[in-house]
N, C-alpha and C. Protein backbone atom coordinates (compact mmCIF):
# COMPACT_ATOMS: atom_id res chain seq x y z
N UNK A 1 52.10 265.32 89.90
CA UNK A 1 52.05 264.40 88.78
C UNK A 1 52.39 265.17 87.53
N UNK A 2 53.10 264.51 86.63
CA UNK A 2 53.54 265.13 85.39
C UNK A 2 53.27 264.19 84.23
N UNK A 3 52.63 264.71 83.17
CA UNK A 3 52.40 263.92 81.96
C UNK A 3 52.94 264.67 80.76
N UNK A 4 53.85 264.02 80.04
CA UNK A 4 54.39 264.56 78.80
C UNK A 4 54.90 263.38 77.99
N UNK A 5 54.71 263.42 76.68
CA UNK A 5 55.11 262.31 75.83
C UNK A 5 56.55 262.42 75.34
N UNK A 6 57.25 263.49 75.71
CA UNK A 6 58.64 263.66 75.31
C UNK A 6 59.55 263.19 76.45
N UNK A 7 60.24 262.04 76.27
CA UNK A 7 61.05 261.47 77.34
C UNK A 7 62.10 262.44 77.91
N UNK A 8 62.71 263.26 77.05
CA UNK A 8 63.72 264.20 77.54
C UNK A 8 63.11 265.24 78.47
N UNK A 9 61.93 265.75 78.10
CA UNK A 9 61.24 266.73 78.93
C UNK A 9 60.90 266.11 80.28
N UNK A 10 60.36 264.90 80.24
CA UNK A 10 59.98 264.21 81.48
C UNK A 10 61.21 264.01 82.37
N UNK A 11 62.30 263.56 81.79
CA UNK A 11 63.51 263.30 82.58
C UNK A 11 64.03 264.58 83.22
N UNK A 12 64.10 265.65 82.45
CA UNK A 12 64.60 266.92 82.98
C UNK A 12 63.67 267.47 84.04
N UNK A 13 62.38 267.44 83.77
CA UNK A 13 61.41 267.97 84.74
C UNK A 13 61.42 267.15 86.03
N UNK A 14 61.51 265.85 85.89
CA UNK A 14 61.53 265.00 87.08
C UNK A 14 62.75 265.30 87.96
N UNK A 15 63.91 265.39 87.35
CA UNK A 15 65.13 265.71 88.10
C UNK A 15 64.98 267.07 88.77
N UNK A 16 64.49 268.04 88.00
CA UNK A 16 64.35 269.40 88.55
C UNK A 16 63.38 269.43 89.73
N UNK A 17 62.27 268.74 89.59
CA UNK A 17 61.26 268.78 90.65
C UNK A 17 61.66 267.93 91.86
N UNK A 18 62.23 266.77 91.62
CA UNK A 18 62.60 265.90 92.75
C UNK A 18 63.89 266.35 93.42
N UNK A 19 64.92 266.58 92.63
CA UNK A 19 66.23 266.89 93.19
C UNK A 19 66.31 268.32 93.71
N UNK A 20 65.90 269.26 92.88
CA UNK A 20 65.98 270.66 93.27
C UNK A 20 64.84 271.04 94.22
N UNK A 21 63.63 270.58 93.90
CA UNK A 21 62.46 270.99 94.68
C UNK A 21 62.07 270.09 95.82
N UNK A 22 62.56 268.85 95.82
CA UNK A 22 62.20 267.92 96.88
C UNK A 22 60.79 267.36 96.76
N UNK A 23 60.21 267.46 95.57
CA UNK A 23 58.85 266.96 95.35
C UNK A 23 58.87 265.47 95.05
N UNK A 24 57.79 264.80 95.37
CA UNK A 24 57.56 263.43 94.93
C UNK A 24 56.77 263.53 93.64
N UNK A 25 57.32 262.99 92.56
CA UNK A 25 56.72 263.16 91.24
C UNK A 25 56.42 261.79 90.64
N UNK A 26 55.18 261.63 90.20
CA UNK A 26 54.81 260.47 89.39
C UNK A 26 54.79 260.96 87.96
N UNK A 27 55.54 260.31 87.09
CA UNK A 27 55.59 260.73 85.69
C UNK A 27 54.81 259.76 84.82
N UNK A 28 54.17 260.33 83.81
CA UNK A 28 53.36 259.55 82.88
C UNK A 28 53.74 259.96 81.47
N UNK A 29 53.72 259.00 80.57
CA UNK A 29 54.09 259.26 79.18
C UNK A 29 52.90 259.63 78.31
N UNK A 30 51.71 259.64 78.90
CA UNK A 30 50.52 259.96 78.11
C UNK A 30 49.40 260.46 79.01
N UNK A 31 48.42 261.06 78.38
CA UNK A 31 47.24 261.50 79.11
C UNK A 31 46.46 260.34 79.68
N UNK A 32 46.35 259.26 78.90
CA UNK A 32 45.63 258.08 79.40
C UNK A 32 46.31 257.49 80.62
N UNK A 33 47.63 257.44 80.59
CA UNK A 33 48.36 256.91 81.76
C UNK A 33 48.12 257.79 82.98
N UNK A 34 48.13 259.09 82.80
CA UNK A 34 47.87 259.98 83.93
C UNK A 34 46.49 259.71 84.51
N UNK A 35 45.48 259.59 83.65
CA UNK A 35 44.12 259.35 84.13
C UNK A 35 44.01 258.02 84.87
N UNK A 36 44.75 257.02 84.42
CA UNK A 36 44.71 255.72 85.09
C UNK A 36 45.41 255.74 86.43
N UNK A 37 46.55 256.45 86.53
CA UNK A 37 47.36 256.42 87.74
C UNK A 37 46.99 257.47 88.78
N UNK A 38 46.33 258.53 88.37
CA UNK A 38 46.04 259.64 89.28
C UNK A 38 45.26 259.22 90.53
N UNK A 39 44.24 258.39 90.44
CA UNK A 39 43.50 258.04 91.66
C UNK A 39 44.37 257.37 92.72
N UNK A 40 45.32 256.53 92.31
CA UNK A 40 46.19 255.86 93.28
C UNK A 40 47.27 256.78 93.83
N UNK A 41 47.77 257.69 92.98
CA UNK A 41 48.84 258.60 93.41
C UNK A 41 48.28 259.76 94.24
N UNK A 42 47.05 260.17 93.94
CA UNK A 42 46.38 261.26 94.65
C UNK A 42 47.24 262.53 94.67
N UNK A 43 47.52 263.10 93.49
CA UNK A 43 48.42 264.25 93.41
C UNK A 43 47.84 265.52 94.02
N UNK A 44 48.73 266.35 94.54
CA UNK A 44 48.34 267.67 95.03
C UNK A 44 48.24 268.66 93.88
N UNK A 45 49.02 268.41 92.81
CA UNK A 45 49.07 269.30 91.65
C UNK A 45 49.43 268.44 90.44
N UNK A 46 48.85 268.78 89.30
CA UNK A 46 49.09 268.02 88.07
C UNK A 46 49.64 268.96 87.01
N UNK A 47 50.72 268.53 86.35
CA UNK A 47 51.28 269.26 85.22
C UNK A 47 51.08 268.37 84.00
N UNK A 48 50.40 268.90 82.99
CA UNK A 48 50.07 268.08 81.82
C UNK A 48 50.41 268.83 80.53
N UNK A 49 51.10 268.13 79.64
CA UNK A 49 51.45 268.69 78.34
C UNK A 49 50.18 268.88 77.53
N UNK A 50 50.14 269.96 76.77
CA UNK A 50 48.96 270.27 75.97
C UNK A 50 48.86 269.33 74.77
N UNK A 51 49.97 269.08 74.09
CA UNK A 51 49.93 268.27 72.88
C UNK A 51 50.57 266.91 73.11
N UNK A 52 49.72 265.89 73.18
CA UNK A 52 50.17 264.51 73.30
C UNK A 52 49.37 263.68 72.32
N UNK A 53 49.93 262.56 71.84
CA UNK A 53 49.25 261.80 70.79
C UNK A 53 47.93 261.15 71.20
N UNK A 54 47.80 260.72 72.45
CA UNK A 54 46.56 260.02 72.82
C UNK A 54 45.50 261.01 73.29
N UNK A 55 45.73 261.63 74.40
CA UNK A 55 44.84 262.65 74.93
C UNK A 55 45.68 263.88 75.23
N UNK A 56 45.28 264.98 74.68
CA UNK A 56 45.99 266.21 74.95
C UNK A 56 45.58 266.79 76.29
N UNK A 57 46.28 267.82 76.69
CA UNK A 57 46.02 268.45 77.97
C UNK A 57 44.59 268.90 78.15
N UNK A 58 43.96 269.38 77.06
CA UNK A 58 42.57 269.82 77.14
C UNK A 58 41.65 268.68 77.58
N UNK A 59 41.82 267.53 76.90
CA UNK A 59 40.97 266.37 77.21
C UNK A 59 41.25 265.84 78.61
N UNK A 60 42.52 265.79 78.98
CA UNK A 60 42.88 265.33 80.33
C UNK A 60 42.26 266.25 81.37
N UNK A 61 42.36 267.56 81.14
CA UNK A 61 41.79 268.54 82.05
C UNK A 61 40.29 268.28 82.23
N UNK A 62 39.57 268.15 81.12
CA UNK A 62 38.12 267.95 81.19
C UNK A 62 37.77 266.64 81.89
N UNK A 63 38.50 265.57 81.60
CA UNK A 63 38.20 264.29 82.23
C UNK A 63 38.50 264.32 83.73
N UNK A 64 39.61 264.97 84.11
CA UNK A 64 39.91 265.08 85.53
C UNK A 64 38.85 265.89 86.26
N UNK A 65 38.40 266.97 85.66
CA UNK A 65 37.38 267.82 86.29
C UNK A 65 36.04 267.10 86.44
N UNK A 66 35.81 266.07 85.62
CA UNK A 66 34.55 265.32 85.73
C UNK A 66 34.58 264.31 86.87
N UNK A 67 35.76 264.09 87.45
CA UNK A 67 35.89 263.15 88.57
C UNK A 67 35.85 263.93 89.88
N UNK A 68 34.96 263.57 90.79
CA UNK A 68 34.81 264.34 92.03
C UNK A 68 36.12 264.54 92.80
N UNK A 69 37.00 263.54 92.81
CA UNK A 69 38.23 263.65 93.59
C UNK A 69 39.25 264.61 92.98
N UNK A 70 39.03 265.02 91.73
CA UNK A 70 39.96 265.93 91.08
C UNK A 70 39.31 267.24 90.64
N UNK A 71 38.11 267.51 91.10
CA UNK A 71 37.42 268.72 90.65
C UNK A 71 38.12 269.99 91.12
N UNK A 72 38.90 269.91 92.21
CA UNK A 72 39.60 271.09 92.73
C UNK A 72 41.12 270.96 92.67
N UNK A 73 41.63 269.86 92.14
CA UNK A 73 43.08 269.68 92.06
C UNK A 73 43.66 270.67 91.05
N UNK A 74 44.66 271.45 91.45
CA UNK A 74 45.26 272.40 90.51
C UNK A 74 45.92 271.66 89.33
N UNK A 75 45.63 272.17 88.14
CA UNK A 75 46.19 271.61 86.92
C UNK A 75 46.95 272.73 86.21
N UNK A 76 48.19 272.42 85.85
CA UNK A 76 49.06 273.37 85.16
C UNK A 76 49.32 272.80 83.77
N UNK A 77 49.11 273.61 82.75
CA UNK A 77 49.42 273.20 81.39
C UNK A 77 50.90 273.43 81.11
N UNK A 78 51.52 272.49 80.42
CA UNK A 78 52.89 272.59 79.95
C UNK A 78 52.81 272.63 78.43
N UNK A 79 53.38 273.65 77.82
CA UNK A 79 53.19 273.79 76.37
C UNK A 79 54.35 274.49 75.68
N UNK A 80 54.53 274.13 74.44
CA UNK A 80 55.45 274.84 73.58
C UNK A 80 54.72 275.88 72.74
N UNK A 81 53.39 275.93 72.87
CA UNK A 81 52.59 276.91 72.15
C UNK A 81 52.88 278.29 72.73
N UNK A 82 53.15 279.22 71.85
CA UNK A 82 53.46 280.55 72.38
C UNK A 82 52.60 281.64 71.75
N UNK A 83 51.67 281.28 70.91
CA UNK A 83 50.79 282.28 70.33
C UNK A 83 49.81 282.75 71.40
N UNK A 84 49.65 284.05 71.52
CA UNK A 84 48.84 284.62 72.60
C UNK A 84 47.41 284.09 72.60
N UNK A 85 46.81 283.91 71.42
CA UNK A 85 45.44 283.38 71.35
C UNK A 85 45.37 281.97 71.94
N UNK A 86 46.38 281.15 71.65
CA UNK A 86 46.41 279.79 72.19
C UNK A 86 46.55 279.81 73.70
N UNK A 87 47.39 280.71 74.21
CA UNK A 87 47.55 280.82 75.65
C UNK A 87 46.26 281.29 76.31
N UNK A 88 45.54 282.19 75.66
CA UNK A 88 44.25 282.66 76.20
C UNK A 88 43.25 281.51 76.29
N UNK A 89 43.24 280.65 75.27
CA UNK A 89 42.34 279.49 75.29
C UNK A 89 42.69 278.57 76.46
N UNK A 90 43.99 278.31 76.66
CA UNK A 90 44.40 277.45 77.77
C UNK A 90 43.98 278.05 79.10
N UNK A 91 44.17 279.35 79.24
CA UNK A 91 43.80 280.03 80.49
C UNK A 91 42.29 279.95 80.72
N UNK A 92 41.51 279.96 79.64
CA UNK A 92 40.05 279.93 79.77
C UNK A 92 39.55 278.61 80.37
N UNK A 93 40.37 277.58 80.31
CA UNK A 93 39.97 276.30 80.90
C UNK A 93 39.93 276.37 82.43
N UNK A 94 40.62 277.34 82.98
CA UNK A 94 40.69 277.44 84.43
C UNK A 94 41.94 276.78 85.00
N UNK A 95 42.97 276.67 84.18
CA UNK A 95 44.23 276.09 84.65
C UNK A 95 44.83 276.98 85.74
N UNK A 96 45.53 276.35 86.65
CA UNK A 96 46.21 277.10 87.71
C UNK A 96 47.28 278.00 87.13
N UNK A 97 47.93 277.55 86.05
CA UNK A 97 48.96 278.34 85.38
C UNK A 97 49.37 277.61 84.12
N UNK A 98 50.29 278.24 83.38
CA UNK A 98 50.83 277.66 82.16
C UNK A 98 52.35 277.79 82.24
N UNK A 99 53.04 276.68 82.03
CA UNK A 99 54.51 276.69 81.97
C UNK A 99 54.89 276.48 80.52
N UNK A 100 55.70 277.39 80.00
CA UNK A 100 56.12 277.32 78.61
C UNK A 100 57.38 276.47 78.46
N UNK A 101 57.40 275.68 77.37
CA UNK A 101 58.60 274.95 76.99
C UNK A 101 59.34 275.78 75.96
N UNK A 102 60.62 275.82 75.97
CA UNK A 102 61.49 275.16 76.95
C UNK A 102 61.50 275.93 78.26
N UNK A 103 61.57 275.20 79.35
CA UNK A 103 61.64 275.82 80.67
C UNK A 103 63.05 275.68 81.21
N UNK A 104 63.37 276.50 82.18
CA UNK A 104 64.68 276.44 82.83
C UNK A 104 64.59 275.40 83.95
N UNK A 105 65.30 274.28 83.84
CA UNK A 105 65.21 273.24 84.86
C UNK A 105 65.61 273.73 86.26
N UNK A 106 66.49 274.71 86.31
CA UNK A 106 66.95 275.19 87.62
C UNK A 106 65.91 276.05 88.32
N UNK A 107 64.92 276.55 87.59
CA UNK A 107 63.89 277.38 88.22
C UNK A 107 62.51 276.72 88.22
N UNK A 108 62.42 275.53 87.63
CA UNK A 108 61.11 274.86 87.53
C UNK A 108 60.51 274.60 88.91
N UNK A 109 61.28 274.09 89.84
CA UNK A 109 60.75 273.79 91.17
C UNK A 109 60.26 275.07 91.86
N UNK A 110 61.01 276.16 91.70
CA UNK A 110 60.58 277.43 92.27
C UNK A 110 59.29 277.92 91.62
N UNK A 111 59.19 277.70 90.33
CA UNK A 111 57.96 278.10 89.61
C UNK A 111 56.76 277.33 90.14
N UNK A 112 56.91 276.03 90.32
CA UNK A 112 55.83 275.21 90.85
C UNK A 112 55.50 275.63 92.28
N UNK A 113 56.51 275.91 93.08
CA UNK A 113 56.27 276.39 94.45
C UNK A 113 55.51 277.71 94.44
N UNK A 114 55.85 278.59 93.51
CA UNK A 114 55.15 279.86 93.39
C UNK A 114 53.69 279.68 92.99
N UNK A 115 53.44 278.76 92.08
CA UNK A 115 52.06 278.46 91.68
C UNK A 115 51.29 277.93 92.89
N UNK A 116 51.89 277.00 93.63
CA UNK A 116 51.25 276.42 94.80
C UNK A 116 50.94 277.49 95.85
N UNK A 117 51.91 278.36 96.10
CA UNK A 117 51.71 279.43 97.09
C UNK A 117 50.60 280.38 96.68
N UNK A 118 50.55 280.72 95.39
CA UNK A 118 49.50 281.64 94.93
C UNK A 118 48.12 281.01 95.05
N UNK A 119 48.03 279.71 94.87
CA UNK A 119 46.75 279.01 95.02
C UNK A 119 46.31 278.99 96.48
N UNK A 120 47.26 278.84 97.38
CA UNK A 120 46.93 278.76 98.80
C UNK A 120 46.70 280.13 99.43
N UNK A 121 47.10 281.20 98.72
CA UNK A 121 46.84 282.55 99.20
C UNK A 121 45.44 283.02 98.87
N UNK A 122 44.76 282.28 97.99
CA UNK A 122 43.42 282.70 97.54
C UNK A 122 42.37 282.39 98.57
């Protein structure tokens, strides 16, 4: 599952993940939409933008973790924030990883596969 409020980012990420990676991706334009759709989609991994107008990645992360069915679902933050202190704060939430924007669409699927593999090696 992917949530980002920037339509261009969503379109590029969706193509990269579905076409290049072969993933089934449910895209959401907001944190609220992700929270509403996640129970029906039952994602294996969630990628959520940190800065969105309704609910940011932090709030989405906390709300998902409060739901028993998502307490262990890997969550990856997607962000344009590049200040080291900000990245440290994101990591402190317990995110599976952080993907920085802009990302390379041709390597995004491999990056997600690498995150998934590292989680399953633990």
